[in-house]
Amino acid sequence: MPPAVTLDHLTKSFGDLKAVDDIDLRIRPGEVVAFLGPNGAGKTTTVDMLLGLSRPDEGSVEIFGMPPRRAVSRGLVSSVMQTGGLLDDLTVRETVEYTSAVFASSLDVDVVLKRAGISGIANSVVKKCSGGQKQRLRFAMALLPDPALIVLDEPTTGMDVTGRRDFWHEMRADALHGKTILFATHYLEEADEFADRVILVSSGRIVADGPAHEIRAMASAKTVSATLPASGADDLITLLRGLAGVESVDVQGRRLKMRTTDSDSAARTMFDHACTELEITSHSLEDAFISLTSSNGPTPNGPTSNGTPTSKGA
C-alpha cells in the first residue's frame, strides 16, 4: 500500500514570501499525526495543497498514490475545518442528509450523528448550535464517505473537556481501524496525548518530526531545583552559574532553580555541597515547541520517524 500522504519537495510562495519551503514528508496509513507550528509557519498552505485546494509552485502531493483531487472525489479524504460549510437555517440532521447526497455511497446518517456525538441535537437548527456543536457537525459530515484519511484543523475548538475527550476517543478508534488522522491544533496537550507522531513546522520548513517524547527531548535544557545548604550557599551559587550548559539560575530564599543542558553535572555539584530536595524536570511539548519554532531555535537535520529527510536544509 502506498503512503497515505506523500509530499516531495513541496514549495509554495506568495510574492516574496516562501510559505512552504521544499518540504519532504511521508505519512503511513493508520498514523495519527499532529501538525504544529506558530501562526504563519505554513501549516494552512500545506494543508490546502494536500487537499487539492491550491497547487504547489514546485514539488508534488500524492494521497494514497494519486493526485489530491482524485483522492477527494473518490471519498478517500475528508477534512474538518474551523469555519464555513454550514447553512444556518437547516437542522443538524438536514445538513448531514444533504451532504450525504453528494457522495456516491456514504455511511448512514444516524451512524455518523452518533459517532460525532450529536444525535441529541439532530433536530436543532444550526444557527442555534454552540461552536463546539458546529465543530462536531463538521466532523459528522467528514465521516459520511468513510474516508481513509481525515484532515482536521483545530478540531476541538469550542468543545468542552468532555467533548474533547469523546472526540479523541472516536479518532483513536478510527486509527485502530486503519484510518489516517492528520490534525493541526493549538492544544499542545492533545498532540502530546493522542498523536503517534508530531511534526513541527516553522517558516515553511519542518524543524522536527517524531514521537512526542523525542520532540520533547529536543528541548535539551532541563530544570534542576534544590534546597540550598544553610552555609556556603553564596559560593555554591557562584559555582553553579559557572558550570557548562547553564542557561539560567534563579534563587528564592533557600530554593534554587536552574535551567541547564547538563543536568547530571548540576545534580552532582548540588549533592556534593549538601543540597536537599533535589528535583530534575524534563520539559514539556510546549517547551520544545517554543524552542524549536523560535527564530533562534535549532533546526535539526535528521531523519523523520519513517527514515526520510525532514526538509531540505532543515
Protein backbone atom coordinates (compact mmCIF):
# COMPACT_ATOMS: atom_id res chain seq x y z
CA MET A 1 0.00 0.00 0.00
CA PRO A 2 1.36 3.47 -0.86
CA PRO A 3 1.82 6.08 1.87
CA ALA A 4 -1.32 7.90 2.94
CA VAL A 5 0.44 11.21 2.26
CA THR A 6 3.49 11.86 0.11
CA LEU A 7 4.95 15.36 -0.18
CA ASP A 8 8.01 15.69 -2.42
CA HIS A 9 9.97 18.96 -2.42
CA LEU A 10 6.73 20.85 -1.82
CA THR A 11 7.16 24.60 -2.30
CA LYS A 12 4.69 27.48 -2.39
CA SER A 13 5.33 31.23 -2.42
CA PHE A 14 3.13 34.30 -2.20
CA GLY A 15 5.12 37.13 -3.71
CA ASP A 16 8.40 37.31 -1.85
CA LEU A 17 7.11 35.12 0.99
CA LYS A 18 8.01 31.44 0.75
CA ALA A 19 5.15 29.95 2.75
CA VAL A 20 6.23 26.33 2.20
CA ASP A 21 9.91 25.69 1.61
CA ASP A 22 10.87 22.39 -0.07
CA ILE A 23 9.11 20.01 2.32
CA ASP A 24 9.50 16.23 2.01
CA LEU A 25 7.11 14.11 4.06
CA ARG A 26 5.65 10.61 4.23
CA ILE A 27 2.71 9.64 6.43
CA ARG A 28 1.89 5.95 6.75
CA PRO A 29 -1.67 4.57 6.73
CA GLY A 30 -3.06 4.36 10.25
CA GLU A 31 -0.83 7.04 11.76
CA VAL A 32 -2.22 9.81 13.96
CA VAL A 33 -0.08 12.83 13.16
CA ALA A 34 -0.10 16.27 14.81
CA PHE A 35 0.93 19.12 12.51
CA LEU A 36 2.09 22.00 14.70
CA GLY A 37 3.62 25.41 14.19
CA PRO A 38 3.20 29.08 15.03
CA ASN A 39 0.93 31.35 13.00
CA GLY A 40 2.41 31.89 9.55
CA ALA A 41 4.51 28.72 9.72
CA GLY A 42 2.98 27.27 6.54
CA LYS A 43 0.55 24.76 8.06
CA THR A 44 -2.58 26.03 6.33
CA THR A 45 -0.84 26.43 2.98
CA THR A 46 0.46 22.86 3.21
CA VAL A 47 -2.99 21.52 4.12
CA ASP A 48 -4.57 23.45 1.23
CA MET A 49 -2.18 21.79 -1.22
CA LEU A 50 -2.72 18.41 0.42
CA LEU A 51 -6.47 18.76 -0.13
CA GLY A 52 -6.05 19.96 -3.71
CA LEU A 53 -7.36 23.44 -2.90
CA SER A 54 -4.21 25.06 -4.27
CA ARG A 55 -1.32 23.92 -6.43
CA PRO A 56 2.34 23.93 -5.41
CA ASP A 57 4.82 26.12 -7.25
CA GLU A 58 7.25 23.22 -7.14
CA GLY A 59 7.11 19.63 -5.98
CA SER A 60 4.20 17.23 -5.78
CA VAL A 61 1.47 15.89 -3.50
CA GLU A 62 0.03 12.38 -3.54
CA ILE A 63 -2.74 10.91 -1.40
CA PHE A 64 -2.64 7.12 -1.42
CA GLY A 65 -0.57 7.31 -4.61
CA MET A 66 -2.91 9.61 -6.53
CA PRO A 67 -3.40 13.36 -7.01
CA PRO A 68 -5.32 15.04 -4.16
CA ARG A 69 -8.41 15.96 -6.18
CA ARG A 70 -8.83 12.40 -7.39
CA ALA A 71 -8.49 11.10 -3.83
CA VAL A 72 -11.09 13.63 -2.64
CA SER A 73 -13.51 12.76 -5.45
CA ARG A 74 -13.23 9.08 -4.52
CA GLY A 75 -14.12 9.83 -0.91
CA LEU A 76 -10.70 8.79 0.37
CA VAL A 77 -10.12 12.14 2.07
CA SER A 78 -12.31 14.31 4.28
CA SER A 79 -11.48 17.45 6.20
CA VAL A 80 -12.85 19.22 9.24
CA MET A 81 -12.06 22.93 9.15
CA GLN A 82 -12.74 25.58 11.79
CA THR A 83 -15.26 27.63 9.83
CA GLY A 84 -17.55 27.50 6.82
CA GLY A 85 -19.57 24.76 5.22
CA LEU A 86 -22.75 25.18 7.27
CA LEU A 87 -26.15 26.70 6.44
CA ASP A 88 -27.65 28.37 9.49
CA ASP A 89 -31.32 27.69 8.69
CA LEU A 90 -31.01 23.92 8.26
CA THR A 91 -31.26 21.46 11.12
CA VAL A 92 -28.30 19.32 12.07
CA ARG A 93 -29.91 16.24 10.52
CA GLU A 94 -30.82 18.08 7.30
CA THR A 95 -27.24 19.31 6.97
CA VAL A 96 -25.88 15.77 7.20
CA GLU A 97 -28.58 14.36 4.89
CA TYR A 98 -27.93 16.95 2.18
CA THR A 99 -24.20 16.38 2.44
CA SER A 100 -24.62 12.61 2.14
CA ALA A 101 -26.37 13.10 -1.21
CA VAL A 102 -23.11 14.45 -2.65
CA PHE A 103 -21.38 11.08 -2.31
CA ALA A 104 -21.96 8.02 -4.47
CA SER A 105 -22.04 5.98 -1.27
CA SER A 106 -21.97 7.12 2.32
CA LEU A 107 -22.44 5.90 5.84
CA ASP A 108 -25.90 6.00 7.39
CA VAL A 109 -26.84 9.46 8.67
CA ASP A 110 -27.80 8.15 12.11
CA VAL A 111 -24.47 6.34 12.37
CA VAL A 112 -22.39 9.47 11.78
CA LEU A 113 -24.61 11.57 14.05
CA LYS A 114 -23.99 9.07 16.84
CA ARG A 115 -20.25 8.84 16.18
CA ALA A 116 -19.99 12.61 16.26
CA GLY A 117 -21.98 12.75 19.49
CA ILE A 118 -24.78 14.95 18.13
CA SER A 119 -27.74 12.57 17.91
CA GLY A 120 -29.36 14.52 20.73
CA ILE A 121 -29.35 17.78 18.75
CA ALA A 122 -30.27 16.29 15.36
CA ASN A 123 -33.40 18.44 15.11
CA SER A 124 -31.75 21.65 16.30
CA VAL A 125 -31.26 24.50 13.84
CA VAL A 126 -27.60 25.05 13.03
CA LYS A 127 -27.60 28.74 13.93
CA LYS A 128 -28.63 27.84 17.49
CA CYS A 129 -25.77 25.37 17.95
CA SER A 130 -22.71 26.24 20.01
CA GLY A 131 -19.26 26.46 18.46
CA GLY A 132 -18.38 23.02 19.77
CA GLN A 133 -21.60 21.52 18.42
CA LYS A 134 -20.94 23.03 14.99
CA GLN A 135 -17.48 21.52 15.03
CA ARG A 136 -18.98 18.11 15.85
CA LEU A 137 -21.40 18.61 12.95
CA ARG A 138 -18.49 19.25 10.59
CA PHE A 139 -16.94 16.06 11.92
CA ALA A 140 -20.14 14.11 11.18
CA MET A 141 -20.12 15.46 7.62
CA ALA A 142 -16.49 14.42 7.19
CA LEU A 143 -17.31 10.87 8.30
CA LEU A 144 -20.01 10.33 5.64
CA PRO A 145 -17.79 8.95 2.83
CA ASP A 146 -15.95 6.73 5.36
CA PRO A 147 -12.61 8.31 4.36
CA ALA A 148 -9.24 6.65 4.72
CA LEU A 149 -7.61 10.00 5.58
CA ILE A 150 -9.17 12.63 7.84
CA VAL A 151 -7.56 16.08 7.94
CA LEU A 152 -8.53 18.17 10.96
CA ASP A 153 -7.89 21.88 11.51
CA GLU A 154 -8.26 22.80 15.20
CA PRO A 155 -10.89 20.04 15.53
CA THR A 156 -11.85 20.57 19.18
CA THR A 157 -12.14 24.35 19.18
CA GLY A 158 -15.22 25.31 21.18
CA MET A 159 -15.66 21.87 22.75
CA ASP A 160 -15.73 21.37 26.50
CA VAL A 161 -13.42 18.92 28.25
CA THR A 162 -15.87 16.03 27.91
CA GLY A 163 -16.46 16.79 24.25
CA ARG A 164 -12.74 16.87 23.53
CA ARG A 165 -12.22 13.56 25.32
CA ASP A 166 -15.08 11.88 23.43
CA PHE A 167 -13.87 13.28 20.13
CA TRP A 168 -10.38 11.88 20.56
CA HIS A 169 -11.76 8.55 21.73
CA GLU A 170 -13.56 8.32 18.38
CA MET A 171 -10.46 9.40 16.48
CA ARG A 172 -8.32 6.78 18.19
CA ALA A 173 -10.90 4.11 17.36
CA ASP A 174 -10.78 5.18 13.71
CA ALA A 175 -6.99 4.96 13.71
CA LEU A 176 -7.11 1.46 15.17
CA HIS A 177 -9.26 0.51 12.17
CA GLY A 178 -6.59 1.78 9.79
CA LYS A 179 -7.68 5.35 9.18
CA THR A 180 -5.01 8.03 8.95
CA ILE A 181 -5.50 11.17 11.02
CA LEU A 182 -3.64 14.43 10.36
CA PHE A 183 -4.55 17.29 12.68
CA ALA A 184 -3.47 20.82 13.47
CA THR A 185 -4.22 22.07 16.97
CA HIS A 186 -3.23 24.81 19.40
CA TYR A 187 -3.94 22.43 22.30
CA LEU A 188 -0.42 21.04 22.60
CA GLU A 189 -1.54 18.57 25.27
CA GLU A 190 -3.78 16.97 22.61
CA ALA A 191 -0.78 16.43 20.37
CA ASP A 192 1.21 15.07 23.29
CA GLU A 193 -1.51 12.66 24.38
CA PHE A 194 -3.11 11.50 21.14
CA ALA A 195 -0.58 11.76 18.31
CA ASP A 196 1.68 8.88 17.32
CA ARG A 197 3.89 11.43 15.65
CA VAL A 198 4.42 15.19 15.94
CA ILE A 199 5.58 17.37 13.05
CA LEU A 200 6.75 20.88 13.92
CA VAL A 201 6.81 23.48 11.14
CA SER A 202 8.46 26.89 11.24
CA SER A 203 8.99 29.38 8.40
CA GLY A 204 7.67 26.88 5.89
CA ARG A 205 10.07 24.09 6.85
CA ILE A 206 9.87 21.00 9.04
CA VAL A 207 12.10 21.55 12.06
CA ALA A 208 11.22 18.39 13.98
CA ASP A 209 9.43 15.12 13.23
CA GLY A 210 8.97 12.17 15.55
CA PRO A 211 7.10 10.80 18.58
CA ALA A 212 6.18 13.41 21.17
CA HIS A 213 8.77 12.14 23.66
CA GLU A 214 11.52 12.62 21.08
CA ILE A 215 10.32 16.13 20.29
CA ARG A 216 10.30 16.99 23.99
CA ALA A 217 13.88 15.74 24.28
CA MET A 218 14.95 18.22 21.59
CA ALA A 219 14.38 21.00 24.11
CA SER A 220 17.60 19.78 25.65
CA ALA A 221 17.75 22.02 28.72
CA LYS A 222 16.20 20.63 31.89
CA THR A 223 15.18 22.33 35.11
CA VAL A 224 17.15 21.34 38.21
CA SER A 225 15.95 22.62 41.57
CA ALA A 226 17.10 22.04 45.14
CA THR A 227 17.16 23.50 48.63
CA LEU A 228 20.50 25.18 49.35
CA PRO A 229 22.59 24.28 52.42
CA ALA A 230 22.41 26.54 55.45
CA SER A 231 26.02 27.65 54.98
CA GLY A 232 28.16 28.25 51.91
CA ALA A 233 25.17 28.95 49.66
CA ASP A 234 26.66 32.04 48.01
CA ASP A 235 29.81 30.20 46.95
CA LEU A 236 27.74 27.29 45.64
CA ILE A 237 25.52 29.61 43.59
CA THR A 238 28.62 31.16 42.02
CA LEU A 239 29.96 27.67 41.27
CA LEU A 240 26.68 26.56 39.68
CA ARG A 241 26.47 29.66 37.49
CA GLY A 242 29.89 28.79 36.10
CA LEU A 243 29.05 25.22 35.06
CA ALA A 244 28.94 24.37 31.37
CA GLY A 245 25.46 24.33 29.83
CA VAL A 246 23.79 26.57 32.41
CA GLU A 247 21.16 28.85 30.86
CA SER A 248 19.72 30.49 33.97
CA VAL A 249 19.87 30.36 37.76
CA ASP A 250 17.09 31.70 39.99
CA VAL A 251 17.19 31.79 43.78
CA GLN A 252 14.22 32.46 46.05
CA GLY A 253 15.13 32.18 49.71
CA ARG A 254 16.97 28.88 50.04
CA ARG A 255 15.31 27.35 46.98
CA LEU A 256 17.39 27.36 43.79
CA LYS A 257 16.10 26.62 40.30
CA MET A 258 18.30 26.43 37.22
CA ARG A 259 17.97 25.56 33.54
CA THR A 260 20.86 23.58 32.13
CA THR A 261 21.72 21.26 29.26
CA ASP A 262 23.91 19.21 31.62
CA SER A 263 21.59 18.27 34.46
CA ASP A 264 23.87 15.43 35.61
CA SER A 265 26.75 17.82 36.31
CA ALA A 266 24.48 20.25 38.13
CA ALA A 267 22.95 17.48 40.25
CA ARG A 268 26.37 16.06 41.21
CA THR A 269 27.55 19.51 42.27
CA MET A 270 24.45 20.04 44.38
CA PHE A 271 24.81 16.64 46.07
CA ASP A 272 28.49 17.30 46.77
CA HIS A 273 27.55 20.55 48.51
CA ALA A 274 24.81 19.12 50.76
CA CYS A 275 21.78 20.37 48.83
CA THR A 276 18.49 18.64 49.66
CA GLU A 277 15.12 18.03 47.98
CA LEU A 278 16.71 17.90 44.54
CA GLU A 279 14.41 17.63 41.52
CA ILE A 280 15.17 17.28 37.81
CA THR A 281 12.33 18.11 35.44
CA SER A 282 12.20 17.40 31.72
CA HIS A 283 10.46 19.92 29.54
CA SER A 284 7.00 19.70 28.03
CA LEU A 285 5.99 19.57 24.40
CA GLU A 286 5.17 23.27 24.74
CA ASP A 287 8.77 23.99 25.78
CA ALA A 288 10.03 22.08 22.76
CA PHE A 289 7.53 23.86 20.52
CA ILE A 290 8.77 27.28 21.65
CA SER A 291 12.42 26.27 21.41
CA LEU A 292 12.24 24.61 18.01
CA THR A 293 10.00 27.16 16.29
CA SER A 294 11.58 30.33 17.65
CA SER A 295 13.71 32.40 15.29
CA ASN A 296 16.86 31.32 17.10
CA GLY A 297 15.73 27.77 17.81
CA PRO A 298 17.56 24.72 16.49
CA THR A 299 16.70 23.25 13.11
CA PRO A 300 17.68 19.60 13.27
CA ASN A 301 18.95 17.93 10.13
CA GLY A 302 17.96 14.36 10.77
CA PRO A 303 15.61 11.62 9.68
CA THR A 304 11.92 11.60 10.34
CA SER A 305 10.33 8.70 12.17
CA ASN A 306 9.98 6.90 8.85
CA GLY A 307 13.57 7.47 7.82
CA THR A 308 13.06 10.14 5.16
CA PRO A 309 14.59 13.61 5.27
CA THR A 310 12.51 16.20 7.09
CA SER A 311 13.13 19.05 4.69
CA LYS A 312 15.95 20.19 2.51
CA GLY A 313 18.26 22.17 4.70
CA ALA A 314 16.02 21.75 7.71
